[in-house]
């Protein structure tokens, strides 16, 4: 056994090469497979959808916020991987009584790269993880942000109306694309509730409607046209903004296309 420190600063005792891993976070599940694991991943959540052909045969242990503790117990994991933001705290504490539970806390691209390298070391894939993190870092370093910058809000939920705030990966990635997030911290909320009136007064130039956690679509975009006249509206792939594992490798290219589209003023 060895002692490791997770991104919450918690000490976790884990075996040298875990053989029965339960992942409670979709983006980290995808990362485990992309690092070359397969049989070692024995349990995932119902929201773990990538890669589809690999997660299809895995045991489901509930959702990210409603983990089925008995299902986890049946799998007898030697490592559980979760996240502060995505998993319900009481369930994590209960699991930590019986199993090594490693938690991420990703608020920026730098945090995501640290998480990738840490998970790689944790599961015996340090080399592949370091290479993956390096490729992601290089991809984002090559981005040429919008100039001049534009004020943009990123909407994640319709009722109540919620946007991505400061201290989130989404906010960090918006900034790397040259988009200024007008959201101010609301009592420490990373995803504050706002009103349409507040968005109208924020001097927005761009409104981004995400595909997750709420699946905004074309009808939603059309509805917003009447609420924020003069603001450029775009439907965006939420996975590219909020999945902080290996999907970030694809996100850099996605952002380059989005920046070009915004620079050209196309919908």
C-alpha atoms as a PDB file:
ATOM      1  CA  UNK A   1       0.000   0.000   0.000  1.00  0.00           C
ATOM      2  CA  UNK A   2       1.091   3.589  -0.562  1.00  0.00           C
ATOM      3  CA  UNK A   3      -0.125   6.934   0.706  1.00  0.00           C
ATOM      4  CA  UNK A   4      -1.290   9.481  -1.887  1.00  0.00           C
ATOM      5  CA  UNK A   5      -2.858  12.932  -1.547  1.00  0.00           C
ATOM      6  CA  UNK A   6      -5.954  13.742  -3.588  1.00  0.00           C
ATOM      7  CA  UNK A   7      -6.985  17.185  -4.868  1.00  0.00           C
ATOM      8  CA  UNK A   8      -8.962  17.793  -1.694  1.00  0.00           C
ATOM      9  CA  UNK A   9      -5.783  17.413   0.330  1.00  0.00           C
ATOM     10  CA  UNK A  10      -6.999  14.093   1.743  1.00  0.00           C
ATOM     11  CA  UNK A  11      -4.591  11.236   2.475  1.00  0.00           C
ATOM     12  CA  UNK A  12      -5.614   8.021   0.713  1.00  0.00           C
ATOM     13  CA  UNK A  13      -3.999   4.602   1.095  1.00  0.00           C
ATOM     14  CA  UNK A  14      -4.171   2.649  -2.135  1.00  0.00           C
ATOM     15  CA  UNK A  15      -2.492  -0.397  -3.668  1.00  0.00           C
ATOM     16  CA  UNK A  16       0.341  -0.045  -6.180  1.00  0.00           C
ATOM     17  CA  UNK A  17      -1.863  -0.998  -9.141  1.00  0.00           C
ATOM     18  CA  UNK A  18      -5.610  -1.064  -8.387  1.00  0.00           C
ATOM     19  CA  UNK A  19      -7.469  -3.883 -10.109  1.00  0.00           C
ATOM     20  CA  UNK A  20     -11.103  -3.087  -9.250  1.00  0.00           C
ATOM     21  CA  UNK A  21     -11.902   0.583  -9.853  1.00  0.00           C
ATOM     22  CA  UNK A  22     -15.284   2.284  -9.520  1.00  0.00           C
ATOM     23  CA  UNK A  23     -15.508   5.689 -11.217  1.00  0.00           C
ATOM     24  CA  UNK A  24     -18.215   8.129 -10.122  1.00  0.00           C
ATOM     25  CA  UNK A  25     -17.416  10.882 -12.655  1.00  0.00           C
ATOM     26  CA  UNK A  26     -18.089  10.632 -16.419  1.00  0.00           C
ATOM     27  CA  UNK A  27     -15.056  12.630 -17.546  1.00  0.00           C
ATOM     28  CA  UNK A  28     -12.755  10.631 -15.283  1.00  0.00           C
ATOM     29  CA  UNK A  29     -14.282   7.354 -16.468  1.00  0.00           C
ATOM     30  CA  UNK A  30     -13.406   8.292 -20.039  1.00  0.00           C
ATOM     31  CA  UNK A  31      -9.899   9.193 -18.876  1.00  0.00           C
ATOM     32  CA  UNK A  32      -9.352   5.760 -17.311  1.00  0.00           C
ATOM     33  CA  UNK A  33     -10.209   4.019 -20.569  1.00  0.00           C
ATOM     34  CA  UNK A  34      -8.074   6.411 -22.617  1.00  0.00           C
ATOM     35  CA  UNK A  35      -5.145   5.638 -20.321  1.00  0.00           C
ATOM     36  CA  UNK A  36      -5.441   1.997 -21.365  1.00  0.00           C
ATOM     37  CA  UNK A  37      -7.531   0.500 -18.566  1.00  0.00           C
ATOM     38  CA  UNK A  38     -10.487  -1.766 -19.271  1.00  0.00           C
ATOM     39  CA  UNK A  39     -11.024  -4.817 -17.082  1.00  0.00           C
ATOM     40  CA  UNK A  40      -9.801  -2.789 -14.096  1.00  0.00           C
ATOM     41  CA  UNK A  41     -12.845  -0.499 -14.381  1.00  0.00           C
ATOM     42  CA  UNK A  42     -15.637  -2.536 -12.793  1.00  0.00           C
ATOM     43  CA  UNK A  43     -18.266   0.125 -12.024  1.00  0.00           C
ATOM     44  CA  UNK A  44     -19.443   3.435 -13.515  1.00  0.00           C
ATOM     45  CA  UNK A  45     -22.423   5.798 -13.183  1.00  0.00           C
ATOM     46  CA  UNK A  46     -25.343   5.921 -15.611  1.00  0.00           C
ATOM     47  CA  UNK A  47     -23.952   9.235 -16.869  1.00  0.00           C
ATOM     48  CA  UNK A  48     -20.651   7.658 -17.901  1.00  0.00           C
ATOM     49  CA  UNK A  49     -21.329   7.430 -21.643  1.00  0.00           C
ATOM     50  CA  UNK A  50     -17.847   7.652 -23.200  1.00  0.00           C
ATOM     51  CA  UNK A  51     -16.401   5.562 -24.703  1.00  0.00           C
ATOM     52  CA  UNK A  52     -19.762   3.940 -25.427  1.00  0.00           C
ATOM     53  CA  UNK A  53     -18.438   0.552 -26.504  1.00  0.00           C
ATOM     54  CA  UNK A  54     -16.287   0.239 -23.369  1.00  0.00           C
ATOM     55  CA  UNK A  55     -18.751   1.392 -20.701  1.00  0.00           C
ATOM     56  CA  UNK A  56     -21.595  -0.711 -22.130  1.00  0.00           C
ATOM     57  CA  UNK A  57     -20.637  -3.829 -20.219  1.00  0.00           C
ATOM     58  CA  UNK A  58     -19.778  -2.218 -16.907  1.00  0.00           C
ATOM     59  CA  UNK A  59     -21.874  -2.397 -13.746  1.00  0.00           C
ATOM     60  CA  UNK A  60     -23.919   0.747 -13.047  1.00  0.00           C
ATOM     61  CA  UNK A  61     -23.659   2.175  -9.538  1.00  0.00           C
ATOM     62  CA  UNK A  62     -26.381   4.826  -9.800  1.00  0.00           C
ATOM     63  CA  UNK A  63     -25.793   8.459 -10.690  1.00  0.00           C
ATOM     64  CA  UNK A  64     -23.177  10.998  -9.732  1.00  0.00           C
ATOM     65  CA  UNK A  65     -25.338  12.441  -6.950  1.00  0.00           C
ATOM     66  CA  UNK A  66     -27.318   9.333  -6.056  1.00  0.00           C
ATOM     67  CA  UNK A  67     -24.660   6.641  -5.837  1.00  0.00           C
ATOM     68  CA  UNK A  68     -26.049   3.180  -5.124  1.00  0.00           C
ATOM     69  CA  UNK A  69     -23.873   2.249  -2.161  1.00  0.00           C
ATOM     70  CA  UNK A  70     -24.988  -1.379  -2.150  1.00  0.00           C
ATOM     71  CA  UNK A  71     -24.063  -1.719  -5.827  1.00  0.00           C
ATOM     72  CA  UNK A  72     -20.589  -0.397  -5.012  1.00  0.00           C
ATOM     73  CA  UNK A  73     -20.286  -2.849  -2.125  1.00  0.00           C
ATOM     74  CA  UNK A  74     -21.116  -5.751  -4.421  1.00  0.00           C
ATOM     75  CA  UNK A  75     -18.189  -4.799  -6.674  1.00  0.00           C
ATOM     76  CA  UNK A  76     -15.627  -4.835  -3.829  1.00  0.00           C
ATOM     77  CA  UNK A  77     -13.517  -2.021  -5.304  1.00  0.00           C
ATOM     78  CA  UNK A  78      -9.920  -1.421  -4.312  1.00  0.00           C
ATOM     79  CA  UNK A  79     -10.240   2.201  -5.534  1.00  0.00           C
ATOM     80  CA  UNK A  80     -13.142   4.623  -5.940  1.00  0.00           C
ATOM     81  CA  UNK A  81     -12.544   7.788  -7.988  1.00  0.00           C
ATOM     82  CA  UNK A  82     -14.903  10.720  -7.487  1.00  0.00           C
ATOM     83  CA  UNK A  83     -15.078  14.517  -7.528  1.00  0.00           C
ATOM     84  CA  UNK A  84     -15.942  17.193  -4.987  1.00  0.00           C
ATOM     85  CA  UNK A  85     -18.218  19.061  -7.378  1.00  0.00           C
ATOM     86  CA  UNK A  86     -20.072  16.115  -8.879  1.00  0.00           C
ATOM     87  CA  UNK A  87     -20.585  13.622  -6.062  1.00  0.00           C
ATOM     88  CA  UNK A  88     -22.806  13.937  -3.000  1.00  0.00           C
ATOM     89  CA  UNK A  89     -20.708  14.371   0.120  1.00  0.00           C
ATOM     90  CA  UNK A  90     -22.495  11.931   2.429  1.00  0.00           C
ATOM     91  CA  UNK A  91     -22.120   9.086  -0.079  1.00  0.00           C
ATOM     92  CA  UNK A  92     -18.420   9.828  -0.477  1.00  0.00           C
ATOM     93  CA  UNK A  93     -17.902   9.769   3.294  1.00  0.00           C
ATOM     94  CA  UNK A  94     -19.743   6.461   3.567  1.00  0.00           C
ATOM     95  CA  UNK A  95     -17.628   4.903   0.810  1.00  0.00           C
ATOM     96  CA  UNK A  96     -14.423   6.233   2.350  1.00  0.00           C
ATOM     97  CA  UNK A  97     -15.174   4.194   5.487  1.00  0.00           C
ATOM     98  CA  UNK A  98     -14.647   0.994   3.510  1.00  0.00           C
ATOM     99  CA  UNK A  99     -12.609   1.807   0.391  1.00  0.00           C
ATOM    100  CA  UNK A 100      -9.798   4.070  -0.818  1.00  0.00           C
ATOM    101  CA  UNK A 101     -11.648   7.110  -2.264  1.00  0.00           C
ATOM    102  CA  UNK A 102      -9.636   9.588  -4.342  1.00  0.00           C
ATOM    103  CA  UNK A 103     -11.380  12.908  -5.070  1.00  0.00           C
ATOM    104  CA  UNK A 104     -10.639  15.543  -7.683  1.00  0.00           C
ATOM    105  CA  UNK A 105     -11.380  19.265  -7.359  1.00  0.00           C
ATOM    106  CA  UNK A 106     -11.032  20.856 -10.792  1.00  0.00           C
ATOM    107  CA  UNK A 107     -11.568  24.599 -11.127  1.00  0.00           C
ATOM    108  CA  UNK A 108      -9.164  25.374 -13.976  1.00  0.00           C
ATOM    109  CA  UNK A 109      -7.233  23.832 -16.837  1.00  0.00           C
ATOM    110  CA  UNK A 110      -4.188  23.638 -14.559  1.00  0.00           C
ATOM    111  CA  UNK A 111      -6.235  21.633 -12.051  1.00  0.00           C
ATOM    112  CA  UNK A 112      -7.425  19.321 -14.839  1.00  0.00           C
ATOM    113  CA  UNK A 113      -3.866  18.654 -15.998  1.00  0.00           C
ATOM    114  CA  UNK A 114      -2.834  17.928 -12.415  1.00  0.00           C
ATOM    115  CA  UNK A 115      -5.799  15.561 -12.046  1.00  0.00           C
ATOM    116  CA  UNK A 116      -4.884  13.676 -15.238  1.00  0.00           C
ATOM    117  CA  UNK A 117      -1.295  13.190 -14.124  1.00  0.00           C
ATOM    118  CA  UNK A 118      -2.344  12.225 -10.587  1.00  0.00           C
ATOM    119  CA  UNK A 119      -4.885   9.661 -11.779  1.00  0.00           C
ATOM    120  CA  UNK A 120      -2.326   8.256 -14.196  1.00  0.00           C
ATOM    121  CA  UNK A 121       0.131   7.743 -11.355  1.00  0.00           C
ATOM    122  CA  UNK A 122      -2.638   6.331  -9.168  1.00  0.00           C
ATOM    123  CA  UNK A 123      -3.575   3.581 -11.643  1.00  0.00           C
ATOM    124  CA  UNK A 124      -0.112   2.736 -12.961  1.00  0.00           C
ATOM    125  CA  UNK A 125      -0.326   4.746 -16.181  1.00  0.00           C
ATOM    126  CA  UNK A 126       1.916   7.687 -15.307  1.00  0.00           C
ATOM    127  CA  UNK A 127       3.672   7.785 -18.685  1.00  0.00           C
ATOM    128  CA  UNK A 128       0.537   7.867 -20.869  1.00  0.00           C
ATOM    129  CA  UNK A 129      -1.096  10.369 -18.504  1.00  0.00           C
ATOM    130  CA  UNK A 130       1.868  12.731 -18.658  1.00  0.00           C
ATOM    131  CA  UNK A 131       1.908  12.569 -22.454  1.00  0.00           C
ATOM    132  CA  UNK A 132      -1.843  13.192 -22.625  1.00  0.00           C
ATOM    133  CA  UNK A 133      -1.608  16.175 -20.275  1.00  0.00           C
ATOM    134  CA  UNK A 134       1.256  17.583 -22.333  1.00  0.00           C
ATOM    135  CA  UNK A 135      -0.743  17.320 -25.560  1.00  0.00           C
ATOM    136  CA  UNK A 136      -3.745  19.037 -23.952  1.00  0.00           C
ATOM    137  CA  UNK A 137      -1.547  21.793 -22.561  1.00  0.00           C
ATOM    138  CA  UNK A 138       0.057  22.364 -25.970  1.00  0.00           C
ATOM    139  CA  UNK A 139      -3.341  22.433 -27.683  1.00  0.00           C
ATOM    140  CA  UNK A 140      -4.665  25.192 -25.444  1.00  0.00           C
ATOM    141  CA  UNK A 141      -1.372  27.081 -25.566  1.00  0.00           C
ATOM    142  CA  UNK A 142      -1.755  27.306 -29.346  1.00  0.00           C
ATOM    143  CA  UNK A 143      -5.184  28.978 -29.131  1.00  0.00           C
ATOM    144  CA  UNK A 144      -5.397  32.552 -30.321  1.00  0.00           C
ATOM    145  CA  UNK A 145      -8.121  34.185 -28.201  1.00  0.00           C
ATOM    146  CA  UNK A 146     -10.625  36.652 -29.565  1.00  0.00           C
ATOM    147  CA  UNK A 147      -9.272  40.156 -29.885  1.00  0.00           C
ATOM    148  CA  UNK A 148     -10.824  42.320 -28.704  1.00  0.00           C
ATOM    149  CA  UNK A 149     -12.339  40.172 -25.965  1.00  0.00           C
ATOM    150  CA  UNK A 150     -16.133  39.822 -25.824  1.00  0.00           C
ATOM    151  CA  UNK A 151     -18.458  39.583 -22.841  1.00  0.00           C
ATOM    152  CA  UNK A 152     -20.157  36.183 -22.726  1.00  0.00           C
ATOM    153  CA  UNK A 153     -22.390  34.263 -20.319  1.00  0.00           C
ATOM    154  CA  UNK A 154     -22.586  30.465 -20.304  1.00  0.00           C
ATOM    155  CA  UNK A 155     -26.037  29.109 -19.395  1.00  0.00           C
ATOM    156  CA  UNK A 156     -26.309  25.650 -17.827  1.00  0.00           C
ATOM    157  CA  UNK A 157     -29.934  25.510 -16.622  1.00  0.00           C
ATOM    158  CA  UNK A 158     -33.234  27.195 -17.589  1.00  0.00           C
ATOM    159  CA  UNK A 159     -35.392  27.093 -14.437  1.00  0.00           C
ATOM    160  CA  UNK A 160     -33.987  28.424 -12.228  1.00  0.00           C
ATOM    161  CA  UNK A 161     -31.784  30.277 -14.691  1.00  0.00           C
ATOM    162  CA  UNK A 162     -28.188  29.370 -13.865  1.00  0.00           C
ATOM    163  CA  UNK A 163     -24.875  30.329 -15.423  1.00  0.00           C
ATOM    164  CA  UNK A 164     -21.273  29.279 -14.941  1.00  0.00           C
ATOM    165  CA  UNK A 165     -19.602  31.576 -12.436  1.00  0.00           C
ATOM    166  CA  UNK A 166     -16.078  32.275 -11.335  1.00  0.00           C
ATOM    167  CA  UNK A 167     -13.870  29.547  -9.963  1.00  0.00           C
ATOM    168  CA  UNK A 168     -15.008  26.964 -12.511  1.00  0.00           C
ATOM    169  CA  UNK A 169     -13.279  25.173 -15.358  1.00  0.00           C
ATOM    170  CA  UNK A 170     -15.868  26.697 -17.692  1.00  0.00           C
ATOM    171  CA  UNK A 171     -14.894  30.207 -16.612  1.00  0.00           C
ATOM    172  CA  UNK A 172     -11.200  29.430 -17.113  1.00  0.00           C
ATOM    173  CA  UNK A 173     -11.781  28.045 -20.611  1.00  0.00           C
ATOM    174  CA  UNK A 174     -13.981  31.005 -21.568  1.00  0.00           C
ATOM    175  CA  UNK A 175     -11.123  33.304 -20.652  1.00  0.00           C
ATOM    176  CA  UNK A 176      -8.660  31.300 -22.720  1.00  0.00           C
ATOM    177  CA  UNK A 177     -10.945  31.844 -25.708  1.00  0.00           C
ATOM    178  CA  UNK A 178     -11.076  35.597 -25.196  1.00  0.00           C
ATOM    179  CA  UNK A 179     -14.532  35.587 -23.610  1.00  0.00           C
ATOM    180  CA  UNK A 180     -15.057  37.667 -20.473  1.00  0.00           C
ATOM    181  CA  UNK A 181     -17.501  36.138 -17.997  1.00  0.00           C
ATOM    182  CA  UNK A 182     -19.508  38.930 -16.312  1.00  0.00           C
ATOM    183  CA  UNK A 183     -20.676  36.653 -13.497  1.00  0.00           C
ATOM    184  CA  UNK A 184     -19.636  37.787 -10.039  1.00  0.00           C
ATOM    185  CA  UNK A 185     -19.470  35.342  -7.122  1.00  0.00           C
ATOM    186  CA  UNK A 186     -22.860  34.958  -5.447  1.00  0.00           C
ATOM    187  CA  UNK A 187     -22.335  33.838  -1.857  1.00  0.00           C
ATOM    188  CA  UNK A 188     -19.548  31.614  -3.099  1.00  0.00           C
ATOM    189  CA  UNK A 189     -21.765  29.900  -5.694  1.00  0.00           C
ATOM    190  CA  UNK A 190     -19.846  28.525  -8.622  1.00  0.00           C
ATOM    191  CA  UNK A 191     -23.068  28.302 -10.655  1.00  0.00           C
ATOM    192  CA  UNK A 192     -25.158  31.286  -9.542  1.00  0.00           C
ATOM    193  CA  UNK A 193     -28.838  31.797 -10.235  1.00  0.00           C
ATOM    194  CA  UNK A 194     -29.522  34.937 -12.280  1.00  0.00           C
ATOM    195  CA  UNK A 195     -32.449  36.703 -13.916  1.00  0.00           C
ATOM    196  CA  UNK A 196     -32.983  37.642 -17.535  1.00  0.00           C
ATOM    197  CA  UNK A 197     -33.011  41.261 -16.423  1.00  0.00           C
ATOM    198  CA  UNK A 198     -29.581  40.860 -14.902  1.00  0.00           C
ATOM    199  CA  UNK A 199     -28.226  39.363 -18.099  1.00  0.00           C
ATOM    200  CA  UNK A 200     -29.730  42.266 -20.043  1.00  0.00           C
ATOM    201  CA  UNK A 201     -27.847  44.718 -17.856  1.00  0.00           C
ATOM    202  CA  UNK A 202     -24.527  42.829 -18.031  1.00  0.00           C
ATOM    203  CA  UNK A 203     -23.441  44.270 -21.361  1.00  0.00           C
ATOM    204  CA  UNK A 204     -23.376  40.829 -22.967  1.00  0.00           C
ATOM    205  CA  UNK A 205     -22.232  40.380 -26.521  1.00  0.00           C
ATOM    206  CA  UNK A 206     -22.501  36.563 -26.582  1.00  0.00           C
ATOM    207  CA  UNK A 207     -24.751  34.031 -24.860  1.00  0.00           C
ATOM    208  CA  UNK A 208     -23.728  30.362 -24.896  1.00  0.00           C
ATOM    209  CA  UNK A 209     -26.405  27.707 -24.294  1.00  0.00           C
ATOM    210  CA  UNK A 210     -24.821  24.418 -23.235  1.00  0.00           C
ATOM    211  CA  UNK A 211     -25.872  20.900 -24.204  1.00  0.00           C
ATOM    212  CA  UNK A 212     -25.429  19.692 -20.615  1.00  0.00           C
ATOM    213  CA  UNK A 213     -26.412  19.326 -17.840  1.00  0.00           C
ATOM    214  CA  UNK A 214     -29.597  20.707 -19.444  1.00  0.00           C
ATOM    215  CA  UNK A 215     -29.841  19.873 -23.177  1.00  0.00           C
ATOM    216  CA  UNK A 216     -30.475  23.288 -24.689  1.00  0.00           C
ATOM    217  CA  UNK A 217     -31.490  23.040 -28.357  1.00  0.00           C
ATOM    218  CA  UNK A 218     -32.583  25.172 -31.275  1.00  0.00           C
ATOM    219  CA  UNK A 219     -36.041  26.004 -29.807  1.00  0.00           C
ATOM    220  CA  UNK A 220     -34.271  27.388 -26.730  1.00  0.00           C
ATOM    221  CA  UNK A 221     -31.914  29.472 -28.848  1.00  0.00           C
ATOM    222  CA  UNK A 222     -34.859  30.923 -30.772  1.00  0.00           C
ATOM    223  CA  UNK A 223     -36.677  31.722 -27.511  1.00  0.00           C
ATOM    224  CA  UNK A 224     -33.661  33.639 -26.257  1.00  0.00           C
ATOM    225  CA  UNK A 225     -33.582  35.835 -29.358  1.00  0.00           C
ATOM    226  CA  UNK A 226     -36.534  37.803 -28.005  1.00  0.00           C
ATOM    227  CA  UNK A 227     -35.095  38.048 -24.502  1.00  0.00           C
ATOM    228  CA  UNK A 228     -31.684  39.436 -25.388  1.00  0.00           C
ATOM    229  CA  UNK A 229     -31.962  41.429 -28.605  1.00  0.00           C
ATOM    230  CA  UNK A 230     -28.616  42.238 -30.154  1.00  0.00           C
ATOM    231  CA  UNK A 231     -26.792  39.464 -28.293  1.00  0.00           C
ATOM    232  CA  UNK A 232     -25.168  36.738 -30.389  1.00  0.00           C
ATOM    233  CA  UNK A 233     -26.585  33.321 -29.416  1.00  0.00           C
ATOM    234  CA  UNK A 234     -24.825  29.983 -29.784  1.00  0.00           C
ATOM    235  CA  UNK A 235     -25.562  26.376 -28.871  1.00  0.00           C
ATOM    236  CA  UNK A 236     -22.361  24.766 -27.572  1.00  0.00           C
ATOM    237  CA  UNK A 237     -21.189  21.286 -26.648  1.00  0.00           C
ATOM    238  CA  UNK A 238     -21.141  21.240 -22.857  1.00  0.00           C
ATOM    239  CA  UNK A 239     -18.715  18.318 -22.745  1.00  0.00           C
ATOM    240  CA  UNK A 240     -16.043  20.487 -24.362  1.00  0.00           C
ATOM    241  CA  UNK A 241     -16.359  23.080 -21.604  1.00  0.00           C
ATOM    242  CA  UNK A 242     -16.869  20.944 -18.530  1.00  0.00           C
ATOM    243  CA  UNK A 243     -15.414  17.445 -19.034  1.00  0.00           C
ATOM    244  CA  UNK A 244     -11.983  17.726 -17.464  1.00  0.00           C
ATOM    245  CA  UNK A 245     -10.406  14.441 -18.454  1.00  0.00           C
ATOM    246  CA  UNK A 246      -9.068  13.242 -21.794  1.00  0.00           C
ATOM    247  CA  UNK A 247     -11.923  15.004 -23.664  1.00  0.00           C
ATOM    248  CA  UNK A 248      -9.915  18.191 -23.208  1.00  0.00           C
ATOM    249  CA  UNK A 249      -7.708  16.919 -26.018  1.00  0.00           C
ATOM    250  CA  UNK A 250     -10.658  17.394 -28.384  1.00  0.00           C
ATOM    251  CA  UNK A 251     -11.756  20.590 -26.652  1.00  0.00           C
ATOM    252  CA  UNK A 252      -8.773  22.632 -27.822  1.00  0.00           C
ATOM    253  CA  UNK A 253      -9.737  22.083 -31.477  1.00  0.00           C
ATOM    254  CA  UNK A 254     -13.383  22.766 -30.677  1.00  0.00           C
ATOM    255  CA  UNK A 255     -12.436  26.073 -29.091  1.00  0.00           C
ATOM    256  CA  UNK A 256     -10.372  27.058 -32.119  1.00  0.00           C
ATOM    257  CA  UNK A 257     -13.418  26.569 -34.358  1.00  0.00           C
ATOM    258  CA  UNK A 258     -15.664  28.436 -31.914  1.00  0.00           C
ATOM    259  CA  UNK A 259     -13.262  31.371 -31.749  1.00  0.00           C
ATOM    260  CA  UNK A 260     -13.152  31.573 -35.545  1.00  0.00           C
ATOM    261  CA  UNK A 261     -16.956  31.504 -35.681  1.00  0.00           C
ATOM    262  CA  UNK A 262     -17.277  34.267 -33.099  1.00  0.00           C
ATOM    263  CA  UNK A 263     -14.644  36.339 -34.851  1.00  0.00           C
ATOM    264  CA  UNK A 264     -16.628  36.016 -38.056  1.00  0.00           C
ATOM    265  CA  UNK A 265     -19.921  36.838 -36.357  1.00  0.00           C
ATOM    266  CA  UNK A 266     -21.668  33.687 -37.599  1.00  0.00           C
ATOM    267  CA  UNK A 267     -24.352  31.775 -35.666  1.00  0.00           C
END
